[in-house]
Amino acid sequence: MQKTLILAHRGLVTEYQENSLPAIKAAAESPYCDGTEFDVFLTKDQKVVLFHDENPKRLTGVDGNIYDMTWPELQKIALMDEIEVDGGLRKYAKTEKICLLTDVLEELRGKDVFLDIELKAYNVSWGKRKIGREVARIVRQFGMEEQCVLTSFNFFMTFDAEWAYPHIHTAFAYDDNIPLPGKWLNRILESNFLGKLVRSSMVIAEHTLLDDDTIAQFAARHMRTGTFTLFPLMPKELPVSLVAEHTDILRRLAKQGVGWVETDHPELAHRVLHG
């Protein structure tokens, strides 16, 4: 059985702003991480940038839509040193720049890290699908196909990546926000209906959707399973009850053979898995 990889969610966000180059570099250098997850958008001028929100206001103070902004425009704004997180403020040492996917892969090329590159989607849109092929093209350009999986909640994006570059690893993402009973969501997940449509080679799902045999079912299909987000980022210390709950969940999923887990606190996850 392969070991469970620990991925920093949006980089090492306890130290640097989410999806910033310093956060990604810190995750790659951390003894508690096996890699990192980060989010990407395609700008108006077709540049792939690391960013989480469709509207950059929470992170930069600038209102707008990142799809309608150009890379030169984004270079003029910064990730603030105080960012809203879960209803509170997270403070950092200084502002940081928005970065390109190419900057990140240039930094990480040659390093033993696994990357979950989330093609960010806030609705299922055919028109925004082409980020899939562009991210796949860049990953292939850097020769990092076996180190990366492209994930998304928009199956058009992963389909576009697979259609243009059939050997790229993709994973359709399942979460528990879909307005269906949990048992039905689990059945949809285990059938991998959407994953089959887009020809994904891996799968990622919120930990709440993983039953006792879900990971085994995907393993039987030779598919690796990832999950999110354990030990989440909060403005203050995590509640003791939440740490205990997520510790139990992580131990259970690791025992079942989950391929990777995304966390905002890699040190906590590492302590659970490795002592």
C-alpha atoms as a PDB file:
ATOM      1  CA  MET A   1       0.000   0.000   0.000  1.00  0.00           C
ATOM      2  CA  GLN A   2       1.301   3.459  -0.906  1.00  0.00           C
ATOM      3  CA  LYS A   3       1.728   5.893   1.939  1.00  0.00           C
ATOM      4  CA  THR A   4      -0.769   8.689   2.418  1.00  0.00           C
ATOM      5  CA  LEU A   5       0.709  11.921   1.091  1.00  0.00           C
ATOM      6  CA  ILE A   6       0.213  15.148   3.039  1.00  0.00           C
ATOM      7  CA  LEU A   7      -0.481  18.152   0.821  1.00  0.00           C
ATOM      8  CA  ALA A   8      -0.498  21.708   2.105  1.00  0.00           C
ATOM      9  CA  HIS A   9      -3.847  23.275   1.175  1.00  0.00           C
ATOM     10  CA  ARG A  10      -3.124  26.407  -0.927  1.00  0.00           C
ATOM     11  CA  GLY A  11       0.489  26.233   0.221  1.00  0.00           C
ATOM     12  CA  LEU A  12       1.771  26.677   3.760  1.00  0.00           C
ATOM     13  CA  VAL A  13      -0.962  29.140   4.721  1.00  0.00           C
ATOM     14  CA  THR A  14      -0.061  29.274   8.386  1.00  0.00           C
ATOM     15  CA  GLU A  15       3.056  31.212   7.323  1.00  0.00           C
ATOM     16  CA  TYR A  16       2.234  32.925   4.017  1.00  0.00           C
ATOM     17  CA  GLN A  17      -0.803  34.095   2.077  1.00  0.00           C
ATOM     18  CA  GLU A  18      -2.734  31.366   0.294  1.00  0.00           C
ATOM     19  CA  ASN A  19      -1.629  30.514  -3.254  1.00  0.00           C
ATOM     20  CA  SER A  20       1.409  32.810  -3.050  1.00  0.00           C
ATOM     21  CA  LEU A  21       4.791  31.664  -4.308  1.00  0.00           C
ATOM     22  CA  PRO A  22       6.352  31.826  -0.806  1.00  0.00           C
ATOM     23  CA  ALA A  23       3.516  29.626   0.531  1.00  0.00           C
ATOM     24  CA  ILE A  24       4.126  27.057  -2.221  1.00  0.00           C
ATOM     25  CA  LYS A  25       7.905  27.112  -1.742  1.00  0.00           C
ATOM     26  CA  ALA A  26       7.524  26.731   2.038  1.00  0.00           C
ATOM     27  CA  ALA A  27       5.267  23.707   1.547  1.00  0.00           C
ATOM     28  CA  ALA A  28       7.789  22.109  -0.822  1.00  0.00           C
ATOM     29  CA  GLU A  29      10.558  22.618   1.731  1.00  0.00           C
ATOM     30  CA  SER A  30       8.554  21.562   4.793  1.00  0.00           C
ATOM     31  CA  PRO A  31       9.472  18.219   6.395  1.00  0.00           C
ATOM     32  CA  TYR A  32       5.760  17.755   7.113  1.00  0.00           C
ATOM     33  CA  CYS A  33       4.592  17.990   3.480  1.00  0.00           C
ATOM     34  CA  ASP A  34       4.799  15.651   0.511  1.00  0.00           C
ATOM     35  CA  GLY A  35       3.481  18.341  -1.801  1.00  0.00           C
ATOM     36  CA  THR A  36       0.853  21.006  -2.066  1.00  0.00           C
ATOM     37  CA  GLU A  37      -2.533  21.894  -3.498  1.00  0.00           C
ATOM     38  CA  PHE A  38      -3.230  25.256  -5.118  1.00  0.00           C
ATOM     39  CA  ASP A  39      -5.928  26.934  -7.219  1.00  0.00           C
ATOM     40  CA  VAL A  40      -5.633  28.443 -10.689  1.00  0.00           C
ATOM     41  CA  PHE A  41      -7.632  30.747 -12.945  1.00  0.00           C
ATOM     42  CA  LEU A  42      -7.250  31.773 -16.583  1.00  0.00           C
ATOM     43  CA  THR A  43      -7.038  35.546 -16.975  1.00  0.00           C
ATOM     44  CA  LYS A  44      -8.555  37.638 -19.747  1.00  0.00           C
ATOM     45  CA  ASP A  45      -5.239  37.506 -21.635  1.00  0.00           C
ATOM     46  CA  GLN A  46      -4.970  33.711 -21.175  1.00  0.00           C
ATOM     47  CA  LYS A  47      -2.392  33.571 -18.385  1.00  0.00           C
ATOM     48  CA  VAL A  48      -2.725  30.891 -15.687  1.00  0.00           C
ATOM     49  CA  VAL A  49      -2.483  32.546 -12.268  1.00  0.00           C
ATOM     50  CA  LEU A  50      -2.680  31.140  -8.751  1.00  0.00           C
ATOM     51  CA  PHE A  51      -5.806  32.442  -7.035  1.00  0.00           C
ATOM     52  CA  HIS A  52      -8.776  31.071  -5.119  1.00  0.00           C
ATOM     53  CA  ASP A  53     -11.627  33.565  -5.360  1.00  0.00           C
ATOM     54  CA  GLU A  54     -13.435  34.663  -8.498  1.00  0.00           C
ATOM     55  CA  ASN A  55     -13.613  38.165  -7.027  1.00  0.00           C
ATOM     56  CA  PRO A  56     -10.164  39.232  -5.762  1.00  0.00           C
ATOM     57  CA  LYS A  57     -11.540  41.628  -3.119  1.00  0.00           C
ATOM     58  CA  ARG A  58     -11.113  39.353  -0.053  1.00  0.00           C
ATOM     59  CA  LEU A  59      -7.460  38.793  -0.825  1.00  0.00           C
ATOM     60  CA  THR A  60      -6.414  42.089  -2.443  1.00  0.00           C
ATOM     61  CA  GLY A  61      -9.021  44.687  -1.523  1.00  0.00           C
ATOM     62  CA  VAL A  62      -9.709  45.220  -5.236  1.00  0.00           C
ATOM     63  CA  ASP A  63     -13.251  44.519  -6.423  1.00  0.00           C
ATOM     64  CA  GLY A  64     -13.832  42.830  -9.780  1.00  0.00           C
ATOM     65  CA  ASN A  65     -13.730  39.490 -11.569  1.00  0.00           C
ATOM     66  CA  ILE A  66     -10.444  37.729 -12.136  1.00  0.00           C
ATOM     67  CA  TYR A  67     -11.635  36.355 -15.491  1.00  0.00           C
ATOM     68  CA  ASP A  68     -11.990  39.944 -16.734  1.00  0.00           C
ATOM     69  CA  MET A  69      -8.549  41.058 -15.552  1.00  0.00           C
ATOM     70  CA  THR A  70      -5.267  40.848 -17.432  1.00  0.00           C
ATOM     71  CA  TRP A  71      -1.932  39.701 -16.087  1.00  0.00           C
ATOM     72  CA  PRO A  72      -0.471  43.246 -16.229  1.00  0.00           C
ATOM     73  CA  GLU A  73      -3.451  44.437 -14.155  1.00  0.00           C
ATOM     74  CA  LEU A  74      -2.966  41.667 -11.589  1.00  0.00           C
ATOM     75  CA  GLN A  75       0.723  42.511 -11.284  1.00  0.00           C
ATOM     76  CA  LYS A  76      -0.268  45.949  -9.973  1.00  0.00           C
ATOM     77  CA  ILE A  77      -2.209  44.586  -7.002  1.00  0.00           C
ATOM     78  CA  ALA A  78      -1.028  42.491  -4.062  1.00  0.00           C
ATOM     79  CA  LEU A  79      -2.216  39.864  -1.629  1.00  0.00           C
ATOM     80  CA  MET A  80      -2.873  41.870   1.531  1.00  0.00           C
ATOM     81  CA  ASP A  81      -1.071  41.272   4.814  1.00  0.00           C
ATOM     82  CA  GLU A  82      -4.432  40.812   6.575  1.00  0.00           C
ATOM     83  CA  ILE A  83      -6.842  38.345   4.994  1.00  0.00           C
ATOM     84  CA  GLU A  84     -10.333  37.325   6.033  1.00  0.00           C
ATOM     85  CA  VAL A  85     -10.444  33.654   7.006  1.00  0.00           C
ATOM     86  CA  ASP A  86     -13.551  31.964   8.376  1.00  0.00           C
ATOM     87  CA  GLY A  87     -15.038  35.167   9.735  1.00  0.00           C
ATOM     88  CA  GLY A  88     -11.807  36.515  11.242  1.00  0.00           C
ATOM     89  CA  LEU A  89      -8.533  38.054  10.110  1.00  0.00           C
ATOM     90  CA  ARG A  90      -5.303  36.186   9.494  1.00  0.00           C
ATOM     91  CA  LYS A  91      -2.246  38.453   9.698  1.00  0.00           C
ATOM     92  CA  TYR A  92       0.975  37.961   7.734  1.00  0.00           C
ATOM     93  CA  ALA A  93       4.380  39.643   7.819  1.00  0.00           C
ATOM     94  CA  LYS A  94       4.002  41.528   4.517  1.00  0.00           C
ATOM     95  CA  THR A  95       2.050  41.686   1.284  1.00  0.00           C
ATOM     96  CA  GLU A  96       2.815  39.205  -1.503  1.00  0.00           C
ATOM     97  CA  LYS A  97       2.509  39.222  -5.273  1.00  0.00           C
ATOM     98  CA  ILE A  98       0.094  37.128  -7.318  1.00  0.00           C
ATOM     99  CA  CYS A  99       2.067  34.526  -9.267  1.00  0.00           C
ATOM    100  CA  LEU A 100       1.849  32.527 -12.464  1.00  0.00           C
ATOM    101  CA  LEU A 101       1.653  28.736 -12.716  1.00  0.00           C
ATOM    102  CA  THR A 102       4.878  28.827 -14.713  1.00  0.00           C
ATOM    103  CA  ASP A 103       6.628  30.559 -11.772  1.00  0.00           C
ATOM    104  CA  VAL A 104       5.516  27.762  -9.449  1.00  0.00           C
ATOM    105  CA  LEU A 105       6.522  24.886 -11.725  1.00  0.00           C
ATOM    106  CA  GLU A 106       9.875  26.513 -12.427  1.00  0.00           C
ATOM    107  CA  GLU A 107      10.449  26.636  -8.670  1.00  0.00           C
ATOM    108  CA  LEU A 108       9.321  23.049  -8.050  1.00  0.00           C
ATOM    109  CA  ARG A 109      10.769  21.311 -11.102  1.00  0.00           C
ATOM    110  CA  GLY A 110      13.185  18.590 -10.030  1.00  0.00           C
ATOM    111  CA  LYS A 111      11.803  18.406  -6.494  1.00  0.00           C
ATOM    112  CA  ASP A 112      10.086  15.328  -5.080  1.00  0.00           C
ATOM    113  CA  VAL A 113       6.646  16.862  -4.584  1.00  0.00           C
ATOM    114  CA  PHE A 114       3.100  15.902  -5.584  1.00  0.00           C
ATOM    115  CA  LEU A 115       0.839  18.711  -6.801  1.00  0.00           C
ATOM    116  CA  ASP A 116      -2.937  18.970  -6.851  1.00  0.00           C
ATOM    117  CA  ILE A 117      -3.671  21.819  -9.264  1.00  0.00           C
ATOM    118  CA  GLU A 118      -7.312  22.773  -8.825  1.00  0.00           C
ATOM    119  CA  LEU A 119      -8.888  24.308 -11.917  1.00  0.00           C
ATOM    120  CA  LYS A 120     -11.065  26.755 -10.014  1.00  0.00           C
ATOM    121  CA  ALA A 121     -14.774  26.766 -10.837  1.00  0.00           C
ATOM    122  CA  TYR A 122     -17.686  28.426  -9.102  1.00  0.00           C
ATOM    123  CA  ASN A 123     -20.204  27.147 -11.633  1.00  0.00           C
ATOM    124  CA  VAL A 124     -20.274  24.445 -14.293  1.00  0.00           C
ATOM    125  CA  SER A 125     -19.385  26.451 -17.376  1.00  0.00           C
ATOM    126  CA  TRP A 126     -18.549  25.135 -20.840  1.00  0.00           C
ATOM    127  CA  GLY A 127     -17.155  28.552 -21.758  1.00  0.00           C
ATOM    128  CA  LYS A 128     -14.394  28.398 -19.129  1.00  0.00           C
ATOM    129  CA  ARG A 129     -13.248  24.886 -20.011  1.00  0.00           C
ATOM    130  CA  LYS A 130     -10.058  25.875 -21.840  1.00  0.00           C
ATOM    131  CA  ILE A 131      -8.102  26.394 -18.657  1.00  0.00           C
ATOM    132  CA  GLY A 132      -7.921  22.591 -18.616  1.00  0.00           C
ATOM    133  CA  ARG A 133      -5.853  22.264 -21.764  1.00  0.00           C
ATOM    134  CA  GLU A 134      -3.707  25.296 -20.937  1.00  0.00           C
ATOM    135  CA  VAL A 135      -2.738  23.965 -17.496  1.00  0.00           C
ATOM    136  CA  ALA A 136      -2.118  20.509 -18.993  1.00  0.00           C
ATOM    137  CA  ARG A 137       0.057  22.074 -21.688  1.00  0.00           C
ATOM    138  CA  ILE A 138       2.151  23.915 -19.102  1.00  0.00           C
ATOM    139  CA  VAL A 139       2.530  20.821 -16.907  1.00  0.00           C
ATOM    140  CA  ARG A 140       3.658  18.834 -19.933  1.00  0.00           C
ATOM    141  CA  GLN A 141       6.035  21.635 -20.970  1.00  0.00           C
ATOM    142  CA  PHE A 142       7.785  21.274 -17.606  1.00  0.00           C
ATOM    143  CA  GLY A 143       7.796  17.465 -17.839  1.00  0.00           C
ATOM    144  CA  MET A 144       5.871  17.115 -14.564  1.00  0.00           C
ATOM    145  CA  GLU A 145       2.922  14.959 -15.678  1.00  0.00           C
ATOM    146  CA  GLU A 146       3.600  12.226 -13.123  1.00  0.00           C
ATOM    147  CA  GLN A 147       3.891  14.725 -10.264  1.00  0.00           C
ATOM    148  CA  CYS A 148       0.596  16.488 -10.916  1.00  0.00           C
ATOM    149  CA  VAL A 149      -3.118  15.860 -10.903  1.00  0.00           C
ATOM    150  CA  LEU A 150      -5.547  18.423 -12.309  1.00  0.00           C
ATOM    151  CA  THR A 151      -8.728  18.532 -10.232  1.00  0.00           C
ATOM    152  CA  SER A 152     -11.954  20.487 -10.625  1.00  0.00           C
ATOM    153  CA  PHE A 153     -15.616  20.662  -9.681  1.00  0.00           C
ATOM    154  CA  ASN A 154     -16.255  21.665 -13.316  1.00  0.00           C
ATOM    155  CA  PHE A 155     -16.111  18.458 -15.351  1.00  0.00           C
ATOM    156  CA  PHE A 156     -15.804  20.469 -18.588  1.00  0.00           C
ATOM    157  CA  MET A 157     -12.387  21.683 -17.411  1.00  0.00           C
ATOM    158  CA  THR A 158     -11.016  18.228 -16.660  1.00  0.00           C
ATOM    159  CA  PHE A 159     -12.573  16.886 -19.865  1.00  0.00           C
ATOM    160  CA  ASP A 160     -10.814  19.606 -21.861  1.00  0.00           C
ATOM    161  CA  ALA A 161      -7.481  18.708 -20.276  1.00  0.00           C
ATOM    162  CA  GLU A 162      -7.965  14.989 -20.990  1.00  0.00           C
ATOM    163  CA  TRP A 163      -9.167  15.639 -24.550  1.00  0.00           C
ATOM    164  CA  ALA A 164      -6.164  17.785 -25.420  1.00  0.00           C
ATOM    165  CA  TYR A 165      -3.577  15.770 -23.432  1.00  0.00           C
ATOM    166  CA  PRO A 166      -4.874  12.209 -22.872  1.00  0.00           C
ATOM    167  CA  HIS A 167      -2.007  11.133 -20.609  1.00  0.00           C
ATOM    168  CA  ILE A 168      -2.426  13.918 -18.059  1.00  0.00           C
ATOM    169  CA  HIS A 169      -3.800  12.905 -14.649  1.00  0.00           C
ATOM    170  CA  THR A 170      -7.163  14.453 -13.803  1.00  0.00           C
ATOM    171  CA  ALA A 171      -9.661  13.962 -10.999  1.00  0.00           C
ATOM    172  CA  PHE A 172     -13.251  15.119 -10.844  1.00  0.00           C
ATOM    173  CA  ALA A 173     -13.898  16.590  -7.380  1.00  0.00           C
ATOM    174  CA  TYR A 174     -16.904  15.635  -5.252  1.00  0.00           C
ATOM    175  CA  ASP A 175     -18.057  17.574  -2.199  1.00  0.00           C
ATOM    176  CA  ASP A 176     -21.011  17.446   0.167  1.00  0.00           C
ATOM    177  CA  ASN A 177     -22.573  20.754  -0.937  1.00  0.00           C
ATOM    178  CA  ILE A 178     -24.672  19.009  -3.566  1.00  0.00           C
ATOM    179  CA  PRO A 179     -28.290  19.089  -2.262  1.00  0.00           C
ATOM    180  CA  LEU A 180     -28.732  15.320  -2.025  1.00  0.00           C
ATOM    181  CA  PRO A 181     -28.722  12.902   0.935  1.00  0.00           C
ATOM    182  CA  GLY A 182     -25.261  11.721   1.920  1.00  0.00           C
ATOM    183  CA  LYS A 183     -25.909   8.117   0.902  1.00  0.00           C
ATOM    184  CA  TRP A 184     -26.853   9.237  -2.618  1.00  0.00           C
ATOM    185  CA  LEU A 185     -23.776  11.423  -2.874  1.00  0.00           C
ATOM    186  CA  ASN A 186     -21.650   8.473  -1.826  1.00  0.00           C
ATOM    187  CA  ARG A 187     -23.296   6.279  -4.477  1.00  0.00           C
ATOM    188  CA  ILE A 188     -22.667   8.898  -7.156  1.00  0.00           C
ATOM    189  CA  LEU A 189     -19.062   9.139  -6.009  1.00  0.00           C
ATOM    190  CA  GLU A 190     -18.489   5.379  -5.928  1.00  0.00           C
ATOM    191  CA  SER A 191     -20.068   4.932  -9.356  1.00  0.00           C
ATOM    192  CA  ASN A 192     -17.646   7.616 -10.597  1.00  0.00           C
ATOM    193  CA  PHE A 193     -20.235   8.518 -13.225  1.00  0.00           C
ATOM    194  CA  LEU A 194     -18.850  11.995 -13.844  1.00  0.00           C
ATOM    195  CA  GLY A 195     -15.262  10.825 -13.589  1.00  0.00           C
ATOM    196  CA  LYS A 196     -15.888   8.249 -16.287  1.00  0.00           C
ATOM    197  CA  LEU A 197     -17.382  10.881 -18.567  1.00  0.00           C
ATOM    198  CA  VAL A 198     -14.249  12.999 -18.385  1.00  0.00           C
ATOM    199  CA  ARG A 199     -11.866   9.995 -18.385  1.00  0.00           C
ATOM    200  CA  SER A 200     -10.263  10.876 -15.057  1.00  0.00           C
ATOM    201  CA  SER A 201      -7.491   8.620 -13.758  1.00  0.00           C
ATOM    202  CA  MET A 202      -7.854   9.691 -10.106  1.00  0.00           C
ATOM    203  CA  VAL A 203     -10.634  10.937  -7.836  1.00  0.00           C
ATOM    204  CA  ILE A 204     -10.859  13.461  -5.026  1.00  0.00           C
ATOM    205  CA  ALA A 205     -13.707  13.827  -2.542  1.00  0.00           C
ATOM    206  CA  GLU A 206     -14.526  15.631   0.670  1.00  0.00           C
ATOM    207  CA  HIS A 207     -13.765  13.346   3.601  1.00  0.00           C
ATOM    208  CA  THR A 208     -17.451  13.326   4.608  1.00  0.00           C
ATOM    209  CA  LEU A 209     -18.283  11.353   1.447  1.00  0.00           C
ATOM    210  CA  LEU A 210     -15.806   8.512   1.950  1.00  0.00           C
ATOM    211  CA  ASP A 211     -17.425   5.395   3.403  1.00  0.00           C
ATOM    212  CA  ASP A 212     -15.503   2.412   4.751  1.00  0.00           C
ATOM    213  CA  ASP A 213     -15.192   0.799   1.312  1.00  0.00           C
ATOM    214  CA  THR A 214     -15.030   3.835  -1.031  1.00  0.00           C
ATOM    215  CA  ILE A 215     -11.247   3.977  -1.271  1.00  0.00           C
ATOM    216  CA  ALA A 216     -11.042   0.202  -1.775  1.00  0.00           C
ATOM    217  CA  GLN A 217     -13.524   0.420  -4.653  1.00  0.00           C
ATOM    218  CA  PHE A 218     -11.354   2.958  -6.442  1.00  0.00           C
ATOM    219  CA  ALA A 219      -8.190   1.006  -5.663  1.00  0.00           C
ATOM    220  CA  ALA A 220      -9.759  -1.995  -7.389  1.00  0.00           C
ATOM    221  CA  ARG A 221     -10.063   0.209 -10.490  1.00  0.00           C
ATOM    222  CA  HIS A 222      -6.399   1.236 -10.084  1.00  0.00           C
ATOM    223  CA  MET A 223      -7.445   4.788  -9.207  1.00  0.00           C
ATOM    224  CA  ARG A 224      -5.809   6.860  -6.499  1.00  0.00           C
ATOM    225  CA  THR A 225      -8.086   8.753  -4.084  1.00  0.00           C
ATOM    226  CA  GLY A 226      -7.493  12.148  -2.483  1.00  0.00           C
ATOM    227  CA  THR A 227      -9.484  13.999   0.157  1.00  0.00           C
ATOM    228  CA  PHE A 228      -9.903  17.478   1.662  1.00  0.00           C
ATOM    229  CA  THR A 229      -9.784  19.536   3.919  1.00  0.00           C
ATOM    230  CA  LEU A 230      -8.639  18.250   7.313  1.00  0.00           C
ATOM    231  CA  PHE A 231      -7.352  20.544  10.077  1.00  0.00           C
ATOM    232  CA  PRO A 232      -8.653  23.718   8.352  1.00  0.00           C
ATOM    233  CA  LEU A 233      -7.254  27.221   8.679  1.00  0.00           C
ATOM    234  CA  MET A 234      -8.952  29.456  11.253  1.00  0.00           C
ATOM    235  CA  PRO A 235      -8.157  32.925  12.606  1.00  0.00           C
ATOM    236  CA  LYS A 236      -7.137  31.399  15.956  1.00  0.00           C
ATOM    237  CA  GLU A 237      -6.053  27.977  17.206  1.00  0.00           C
ATOM    238  CA  LEU A 238      -8.137  24.996  16.171  1.00  0.00           C
ATOM    239  CA  PRO A 239     -10.662  23.814  18.784  1.00  0.00           C
ATOM    240  CA  VAL A 240      -9.497  20.735  20.658  1.00  0.00           C
ATOM    241  CA  SER A 241     -12.702  18.903  19.691  1.00  0.00           C
ATOM    242  CA  LEU A 242     -12.085  19.539  15.981  1.00  0.00           C
ATOM    243  CA  VAL A 243      -8.488  18.340  16.219  1.00  0.00           C
ATOM    244  CA  ALA A 244      -9.663  15.123  17.890  1.00  0.00           C
ATOM    245  CA  GLU A 245     -12.390  14.597  15.279  1.00  0.00           C
ATOM    246  CA  HIS A 246     -10.071  15.128  12.323  1.00  0.00           C
ATOM    247  CA  THR A 247      -7.372  12.983  13.917  1.00  0.00           C
ATOM    248  CA  ASP A 248      -9.792  10.051  14.012  1.00  0.00           C
ATOM    249  CA  ILE A 249     -10.905  10.708  10.430  1.00  0.00           C
ATOM    250  CA  LEU A 250      -7.351  10.891   9.120  1.00  0.00           C
ATOM    251  CA  ARG A 251      -6.320   7.675  10.863  1.00  0.00           C
ATOM    252  CA  ARG A 252      -9.345   5.888   9.418  1.00  0.00           C
ATOM    253  CA  LEU A 253      -8.739   7.138   5.874  1.00  0.00           C
ATOM    254  CA  ALA A 254      -5.010   6.383   6.013  1.00  0.00           C
ATOM    255  CA  LYS A 255      -5.777   2.842   7.179  1.00  0.00           C
ATOM    256  CA  GLN A 256      -8.100   2.475   4.201  1.00  0.00           C
ATOM    257  CA  GLY A 257      -5.304   3.608   1.880  1.00  0.00           C
ATOM    258  CA  VAL A 258      -6.262   7.149   0.877  1.00  0.00           C
ATOM    259  CA  GLY A 259      -3.676   8.468  -1.562  1.00  0.00           C
ATOM    260  CA  TRP A 260      -3.411  12.040  -0.359  1.00  0.00           C
ATOM    261  CA  VAL A 261      -4.963  14.396   2.136  1.00  0.00           C
ATOM    262  CA  GLU A 262      -5.093  18.185   1.915  1.00  0.00           C
ATOM    263  CA  THR A 263      -4.679  20.176   5.113  1.00  0.00           C
ATOM    264  CA  ASP A 264      -4.002  23.712   6.308  1.00  0.00           C
ATOM    265  CA  HIS A 265      -1.938  22.298   9.181  1.00  0.00           C
ATOM    266  CA  PRO A 266       0.515  19.760   7.699  1.00  0.00           C
ATOM    267  CA  GLU A 267       2.406  19.430  10.981  1.00  0.00           C
ATOM    268  CA  LEU A 268      -0.744  18.168  12.727  1.00  0.00           C
ATOM    269  CA  ALA A 269      -1.459  15.686   9.914  1.00  0.00           C
ATOM    270  CA  HIS A 270       2.166  14.506   9.965  1.00  0.00           C
ATOM    271  CA  ARG A 271       2.008  13.969  13.720  1.00  0.00           C
ATOM    272  CA  VAL A 272      -1.108  11.814  13.289  1.00  0.00           C
ATOM    273  CA  LEU A 273       0.381   9.686  10.510  1.00  0.00           C
ATOM    274  CA  HIS A 274       3.996   9.487  11.598  1.00  0.00           C
ATOM    275  CA  GLY A 275       4.102  10.323  15.298  1.00  0.00           C
END
